[in-house]
Amino acid sequence: MKKLTVIVTALALLLSFTACSALEGNQSSQEQTSQPETSLSSTPDTSAEDSMQEPSNNETAQFNLETGTVLLNSGYEMPIIGLGTFQLSDSECENSVYHALLYGGRLIDTARIYGNEEAVGRAIQRAIDEGICTREEIFVTTKMWTADYDNADAAIDASLERLGLDYIDLMILHHSQPENDVEAYQAMERAVEDGKLRSIGLSNYYTPEDFDRLVNATTITPALLQNETHLYHQSTQMKEHLEQYGTVLESWFPLGGRGQTQILFNDETVVSIAEAHDKTSAQIILRWHLQAGNIAIPGSSNPDHILENLSVFDFELSQEEMDRLTALDRNERFADY
């Protein structure tokens, strides 16, 4: 009976959102991880180029909560909620990615250092083979590790091979590393020109000065910055700084990360708002992210939690509720990397 309920719920979600919609979230007992394709042939798939929209550089990116997408300054649409795969084993990762796609999720986030790019690729191929989705409907993000910056061109090709994809929707540098991150980013720029990458960005750049250092030395404006962002660390300064570039903020640890989720879930403000909407604390926090203009990539190895995480598009937080949640900011990070 429980499985039937899950299937019915999943079908309802799939019918209520477009195929490109992104969905996902996390629940009070979930493992929060993250941050942190497929006609699988060897030539770049350019079929989506025809639907590529004009870039919105130097404008604040607008989240579309009906389609669950945002238009990046690269001209490509990206789902605004998805699945993070940090700390997921191969088997957990493959199972989680498959169920995320089955339940309507379309954004998958991985990284070379996670060691599970191949598992992501297998899950994507399985979903495509079963007719759940097409390659063009999926948005795959991976990250280049710092140890690979000196051999960035080869690192890009290696990620493509491990994922089993013709192109990667978004590749980002995993950490700021001033001695060689500019050269690594320039390699990603070359890969954009070659059709291997569609959008490029950064992760773990926490000051405007560090972000601008790289931007001023390169050509393609980062489409996205992925930093630790949650109710207690809302990345206000960086988010305001990004507006001039049309760069979107993406949150890793949107629910606090493993070991800290219960801190946010049990916050009395979050609990009271969750009770008012008959939703879980995780759903309230994820909805706050979306309405605040943050892409969120919570992780989970539990299919029930992944399904729950998709259900954040059927309610809306009031301005008063948004203000109460925004007031929780302490500029307090949980991670030290």
Protein backbone atom coordinates (compact mmCIF):
# COMPACT_ATOMS: atom_id res chain seq x y z
CA MET A 1 0.00 0.00 0.00
CA LYS A 2 2.88 2.34 0.84
CA LYS A 3 4.52 1.69 -2.55
CA LEU A 4 1.22 2.40 -4.32
CA THR A 5 0.95 5.70 -2.46
CA VAL A 6 4.49 6.64 -3.44
CA ILE A 7 3.81 5.82 -7.10
CA VAL A 8 0.58 7.82 -7.15
CA THR A 9 2.30 10.78 -5.53
CA ALA A 10 5.17 10.62 -8.00
CA LEU A 11 2.79 10.52 -10.96
CA ALA A 12 0.93 13.52 -9.61
CA LEU A 13 4.17 15.46 -9.33
CA LEU A 14 5.23 14.53 -12.84
CA LEU A 15 1.91 15.69 -14.25
CA SER A 16 1.96 18.96 -12.35
CA PHE A 17 5.37 20.17 -13.51
CA THR A 18 6.98 20.44 -16.92
CA ALA A 19 9.53 17.86 -17.96
CA CYS A 20 12.31 20.33 -17.39
CA SER A 21 11.11 21.32 -13.95
CA ALA A 22 13.46 20.71 -11.12
CA LEU A 23 12.31 19.40 -7.90
CA GLU A 24 13.67 18.17 -4.65
CA GLY A 25 14.22 18.74 -0.96
CA ASN A 26 14.88 16.93 2.30
CA GLN A 27 13.18 15.77 5.49
CA SER A 28 13.79 16.04 9.19
CA SER A 29 15.61 12.72 9.45
CA GLN A 30 17.33 12.97 6.09
CA GLU A 31 21.02 12.81 5.36
CA GLN A 32 21.86 16.24 4.03
CA THR A 33 24.76 16.19 1.65
CA SER A 34 25.88 18.06 -1.42
CA GLN A 35 28.39 20.42 -2.26
CA PRO A 36 29.33 20.73 -1.58
CA GLU A 37 23.52 12.66 -19.51
CA THR A 38 22.49 10.57 -22.67
CA SER A 39 22.82 9.69 -25.91
CA LEU A 40 26.19 8.72 -24.72
CA SER A 41 28.28 9.10 -27.84
CA SER A 42 31.43 10.99 -28.66
CA THR A 43 30.19 14.07 -30.49
CA PRO A 44 28.67 17.09 -28.76
CA ASP A 45 24.87 17.06 -28.68
CA THR A 46 23.77 20.48 -29.91
CA SER A 47 20.05 19.74 -30.15
CA ALA A 48 19.31 22.06 -27.25
CA GLU A 49 21.07 25.00 -28.91
CA ASP A 50 17.92 25.92 -30.81
CA SER A 51 16.04 26.49 -27.56
CA MET A 52 18.87 28.36 -25.88
CA GLN A 53 17.65 31.77 -24.78
CA GLU A 54 19.45 35.09 -24.82
CA PRO A 55 21.86 35.44 -21.89
CA SER A 56 20.78 37.71 -19.07
CA ASN A 57 24.24 39.02 -18.15
CA ASN A 58 24.33 41.86 -15.63
CA GLU A 59 20.69 41.33 -14.67
CA THR A 60 19.34 39.66 -11.56
CA ALA A 61 18.39 36.13 -12.53
CA GLN A 62 14.67 35.49 -12.05
CA PHE A 63 13.48 32.21 -10.59
CA ASN A 64 10.37 30.78 -12.24
CA LEU A 65 8.53 28.91 -9.48
CA GLU A 66 5.98 27.57 -11.96
CA THR A 67 8.51 25.81 -14.19
CA GLY A 68 11.06 25.34 -11.43
CA THR A 69 13.86 26.86 -13.51
CA VAL A 70 16.10 29.90 -13.77
CA LEU A 71 17.69 31.37 -16.89
CA LEU A 72 21.45 31.50 -16.43
CA ASN A 73 23.59 34.28 -17.87
CA SER A 74 24.94 31.63 -20.28
CA GLY A 75 21.51 31.48 -21.90
CA TYR A 76 20.62 28.02 -20.59
CA GLU A 77 17.77 27.17 -18.23
CA MET A 78 18.70 25.37 -15.02
CA PRO A 79 16.42 23.60 -12.53
CA ILE A 80 16.32 25.42 -9.21
CA ILE A 81 16.25 22.36 -6.99
CA GLY A 82 18.01 19.05 -7.38
CA LEU A 83 19.95 16.20 -5.85
CA GLY A 84 23.41 16.53 -4.34
CA THR A 85 25.57 13.40 -4.25
CA PHE A 86 28.31 14.36 -1.77
CA GLN A 87 29.29 11.42 0.47
CA LEU A 88 27.08 8.95 -1.40
CA SER A 89 28.68 5.61 -2.22
CA ASP A 90 28.44 4.28 -5.77
CA SER A 91 25.40 2.14 -5.01
CA GLU A 92 23.70 4.86 -2.97
CA CYS A 93 24.44 7.45 -5.63
CA GLU A 94 23.11 5.36 -8.50
CA ASN A 95 19.94 4.53 -6.58
CA SER A 96 19.38 8.11 -5.46
CA VAL A 97 19.94 9.65 -8.89
CA TYR A 98 17.64 7.11 -10.50
CA HIS A 99 14.84 7.81 -8.01
CA ALA A 100 15.32 11.57 -8.28
CA LEU A 101 14.80 11.30 -12.03
CA LEU A 102 11.90 8.87 -11.56
CA TYR A 103 10.15 11.34 -9.26
CA GLY A 104 10.57 14.27 -11.62
CA GLY A 105 13.88 15.78 -10.46
CA ARG A 106 16.08 17.01 -13.29
CA LEU A 107 19.13 18.57 -11.60
CA ILE A 108 21.97 16.27 -10.51
CA ASP A 109 25.11 17.58 -8.79
CA THR A 110 28.31 15.58 -8.48
CA ALA A 111 32.07 16.20 -8.47
CA ARG A 112 35.27 14.44 -9.43
CA ILE A 113 36.39 14.28 -5.80
CA TYR A 114 33.13 12.57 -4.76
CA GLY A 115 34.22 9.51 -6.71
CA ASN A 116 30.72 8.80 -8.01
CA GLU A 117 30.56 10.40 -11.47
CA GLU A 118 30.36 6.94 -13.06
CA ALA A 119 27.42 6.02 -10.81
CA VAL A 120 25.65 9.22 -11.83
CA GLY A 121 26.17 8.31 -15.47
CA ARG A 122 24.79 4.79 -14.99
CA ALA A 123 21.66 6.09 -13.26
CA ILE A 124 21.06 8.64 -15.99
CA GLN A 125 21.46 6.01 -18.70
CA ARG A 126 19.03 3.70 -16.89
CA ALA A 127 16.42 6.45 -16.61
CA ILE A 128 16.78 7.28 -20.29
CA ASP A 129 16.62 3.63 -21.31
CA GLU A 130 13.39 3.26 -19.33
CA GLY A 131 11.85 6.32 -20.99
CA ILE A 132 11.69 8.33 -17.75
CA CYS A 133 13.39 11.32 -19.33
CA THR A 134 15.66 12.36 -22.16
CA ARG A 135 19.22 13.57 -21.93
CA GLU A 136 18.12 17.07 -22.92
CA GLU A 137 15.75 17.26 -19.94
CA ILE A 138 18.52 16.57 -17.42
CA PHE A 139 20.91 19.19 -16.07
CA VAL A 140 24.18 17.67 -14.83
CA THR A 141 26.70 19.60 -12.76
CA THR A 142 30.17 18.37 -11.89
CA LYS A 143 33.21 20.04 -10.34
CA MET A 144 36.91 20.10 -11.13
CA TRP A 145 39.06 19.26 -8.11
CA THR A 146 41.95 21.53 -7.10
CA ALA A 147 44.57 18.84 -7.74
CA ASP A 148 43.47 18.81 -11.39
CA TYR A 149 43.78 22.54 -12.07
CA ASP A 150 47.22 22.17 -13.68
CA ASN A 151 45.80 19.57 -16.09
CA ALA A 152 42.37 21.07 -16.53
CA ASP A 153 41.80 20.16 -20.18
CA ALA A 154 42.41 16.49 -19.39
CA ALA A 155 40.26 16.75 -16.26
CA ILE A 156 37.29 17.94 -18.31
CA ASP A 157 37.64 15.05 -20.74
CA ALA A 158 37.98 12.60 -17.86
CA SER A 159 34.74 13.81 -16.24
CA LEU A 160 32.93 13.49 -19.56
CA GLU A 161 34.18 9.94 -19.91
CA ARG A 162 33.26 8.94 -16.35
CA LEU A 163 29.78 10.43 -16.71
CA GLY A 164 29.36 8.82 -20.13
CA LEU A 165 28.11 12.09 -21.59
CA ASP A 166 28.69 14.10 -24.75
CA TYR A 167 28.47 17.40 -22.86
CA ILE A 168 28.20 18.60 -19.28
CA ASP A 169 25.56 21.21 -18.51
CA LEU A 170 27.63 22.96 -15.85
CA MET A 171 31.19 22.51 -14.64
CA ILE A 172 32.54 24.55 -11.76
CA LEU A 173 35.90 24.93 -10.06
CA HIS A 174 35.53 23.23 -6.69
CA HIS A 175 37.56 25.70 -4.60
CA SER A 176 39.37 28.98 -4.88
CA GLN A 177 43.06 28.37 -5.50
CA PRO A 178 44.73 31.61 -6.60
CA GLU A 179 47.97 30.03 -7.79
CA ASN A 180 46.31 28.26 -10.72
CA ASP A 181 42.52 28.59 -10.74
CA VAL A 182 42.54 31.22 -13.52
CA GLU A 183 44.28 28.79 -15.87
CA ALA A 184 41.83 26.04 -14.91
CA TYR A 185 38.89 28.35 -15.58
CA GLN A 186 40.36 29.28 -18.96
CA ALA A 187 40.44 25.59 -19.82
CA MET A 188 36.71 25.44 -19.05
CA GLU A 189 36.21 28.44 -21.33
CA ARG A 190 37.91 26.51 -24.13
CA ALA A 191 35.66 23.54 -23.42
CA VAL A 192 32.60 25.80 -23.78
CA GLU A 193 33.84 26.81 -27.23
CA ASP A 194 34.37 23.14 -28.10
CA GLY A 195 30.84 22.18 -27.01
CA LYS A 196 32.00 19.99 -24.13
CA LEU A 197 30.56 22.31 -21.47
CA ARG A 198 27.50 24.53 -21.70
CA SER A 199 27.87 26.70 -18.60
CA ILE A 200 30.74 27.24 -16.17
CA GLY A 201 31.01 28.60 -12.67
CA LEU A 202 32.73 28.58 -9.29
CA SER A 203 32.36 27.08 -5.84
CA ASN A 204 33.72 28.16 -2.46
CA TYR A 205 34.65 31.74 -3.31
CA TYR A 206 33.50 33.59 -0.22
CA THR A 207 34.56 37.21 -0.73
CA PRO A 208 33.78 39.71 -3.49
CA GLU A 209 37.53 40.33 -3.90
CA ASP A 210 38.31 36.67 -4.54
CA PHE A 211 35.41 36.31 -6.96
CA ASP A 212 36.39 39.45 -8.87
CA ARG A 213 40.03 38.36 -9.00
CA LEU A 214 39.06 35.46 -11.22
CA VAL A 215 36.33 37.27 -13.15
CA ASN A 216 38.69 40.08 -14.11
CA ALA A 217 41.26 37.62 -15.45
CA THR A 218 38.86 35.57 -17.60
CA THR A 219 36.35 36.05 -20.39
CA ILE A 220 33.14 34.13 -19.62
CA THR A 221 31.28 35.44 -16.58
CA PRO A 222 30.53 32.61 -14.12
CA ALA A 223 26.94 31.45 -14.51
CA LEU A 224 26.78 30.26 -10.93
CA LEU A 225 28.52 30.39 -7.56
CA GLN A 226 28.00 27.40 -5.29
CA ASN A 227 28.67 28.19 -1.61
CA GLU A 228 27.54 26.93 1.76
CA THR A 229 24.22 28.72 2.22
CA HIS A 230 21.40 28.03 4.67
CA LEU A 231 19.17 29.81 7.17
CA TYR A 232 22.04 30.48 9.58
CA HIS A 233 24.46 31.49 6.80
CA GLN A 234 22.51 33.24 4.06
CA SER A 235 25.47 34.49 1.96
CA THR A 236 23.95 37.96 1.82
CA GLN A 237 27.09 39.86 0.88
CA MET A 238 28.08 37.50 -1.92
CA LYS A 239 24.57 37.26 -3.25
CA GLU A 240 24.29 41.03 -3.53
CA HIS A 241 27.70 41.17 -5.21
CA LEU A 242 26.70 38.57 -7.80
CA GLU A 243 23.74 40.59 -9.03
CA GLN A 244 25.91 42.84 -11.20
CA TYR A 245 27.10 39.78 -13.11
CA GLY A 246 23.77 37.97 -13.43
CA THR A 247 25.46 35.09 -11.56
CA VAL A 248 23.12 32.78 -9.63
CA LEU A 249 23.83 31.59 -6.09
CA GLU A 250 23.51 27.87 -5.45
CA SER A 251 23.45 26.43 -1.95
CA TRP A 252 25.33 23.39 -0.84
CA PHE A 253 24.30 22.29 2.63
CA PRO A 254 20.90 23.99 2.07
CA LEU A 255 19.60 22.20 5.16
CA GLY A 256 22.78 22.48 7.18
CA GLY A 257 24.58 19.31 6.11
CA ARG A 258 25.05 16.00 7.87
CA GLY A 259 25.18 16.43 11.60
CA GLN A 260 23.53 19.85 11.52
CA THR A 261 20.16 19.28 9.85
CA GLN A 262 18.36 18.80 13.14
CA ILE A 263 19.62 22.18 14.32
CA LEU A 264 17.73 23.88 11.52
CA PHE A 265 14.79 21.46 11.52
CA ASN A 266 14.16 22.09 15.20
CA ASP A 267 14.47 25.86 15.06
CA GLU A 268 11.22 27.11 16.62
CA THR A 269 10.54 29.53 13.75
CA VAL A 270 10.91 26.77 11.16
CA VAL A 271 8.76 24.38 13.20
CA SER A 272 5.93 26.87 13.63
CA ILE A 273 5.83 27.69 9.91
CA ALA A 274 5.96 24.00 9.02
CA GLU A 275 2.98 23.32 11.27
CA ALA A 276 1.04 26.16 9.67
CA HIS A 277 1.52 24.66 6.20
CA ASP A 278 1.33 20.99 7.23
CA LYS A 279 4.79 20.50 5.76
CA THR A 280 8.07 19.22 7.14
CA SER A 281 10.80 21.53 8.34
CA ALA A 282 12.94 20.49 5.38
CA GLN A 283 10.23 21.49 2.92
CA ILE A 284 9.85 24.89 4.57
CA ILE A 285 13.59 25.53 4.42
CA LEU A 286 13.84 24.44 0.80
CA ARG A 287 10.87 26.58 -0.17
CA TRP A 288 12.58 29.52 1.54
CA HIS A 289 15.66 28.93 -0.60
CA LEU A 290 13.66 28.95 -3.82
CA GLN A 291 11.65 32.05 -2.96
CA ALA A 292 14.86 33.77 -1.83
CA GLY A 293 16.48 33.01 -5.18
CA ASN A 294 18.89 30.23 -4.16
CA ILE A 295 19.26 27.03 -6.15
CA ALA A 296 19.26 24.16 -3.63
CA ILE A 297 20.88 20.73 -3.93
CA PRO A 298 20.14 18.72 -0.78
CA GLY A 299 21.34 15.15 -0.77
CA SER A 300 19.68 11.97 0.40
CA SER A 301 20.15 8.23 -0.03
CA ASN A 302 16.51 7.56 0.93
CA PRO A 303 14.00 7.45 -1.97
CA ASP A 304 11.13 8.42 0.35
CA HIS A 305 13.01 11.52 1.41
CA ILE A 306 13.87 12.33 -2.20
CA LEU A 307 10.18 12.12 -3.10
CA GLU A 308 9.30 14.33 -0.16
CA ASN A 309 11.91 16.78 -1.31
CA LEU A 310 10.18 17.16 -4.65
CA SER A 311 7.03 18.40 -2.98
CA VAL A 312 7.94 22.04 -2.50
CA PHE A 313 6.02 23.55 -5.38
CA ASP A 314 2.48 23.09 -4.04
CA PHE A 315 2.60 25.79 -1.38
CA GLU A 316 3.98 29.30 -0.90
CA LEU A 317 5.50 31.14 2.04
CA SER A 318 4.02 34.54 2.81
CA GLN A 319 6.22 37.61 2.90
CA GLU A 320 5.86 37.66 6.69
CA GLU A 321 7.06 34.04 6.87
CA MET A 322 9.94 34.78 4.51
CA ASP A 323 10.95 37.73 6.70
CA ARG A 324 10.88 35.58 9.85
CA LEU A 325 13.11 32.98 8.22
CA THR A 326 15.47 35.57 6.78
CA ALA A 327 15.83 37.06 10.26
CA LEU A 328 17.45 33.80 11.40
CA ASP A 329 20.69 34.66 9.61
CA ARG A 330 23.71 34.49 11.95
CA ASN A 331 26.42 34.52 9.30
CA GLU A 332 27.38 31.15 10.82
CA ARG A 333 28.92 28.46 8.67
CA PHE A 334 28.83 24.79 9.66
CA ALA A 335 31.68 23.60 7.43
CA ASP A 336 35.31 24.68 7.51
CA TYR A 337 36.10 24.19 3.82
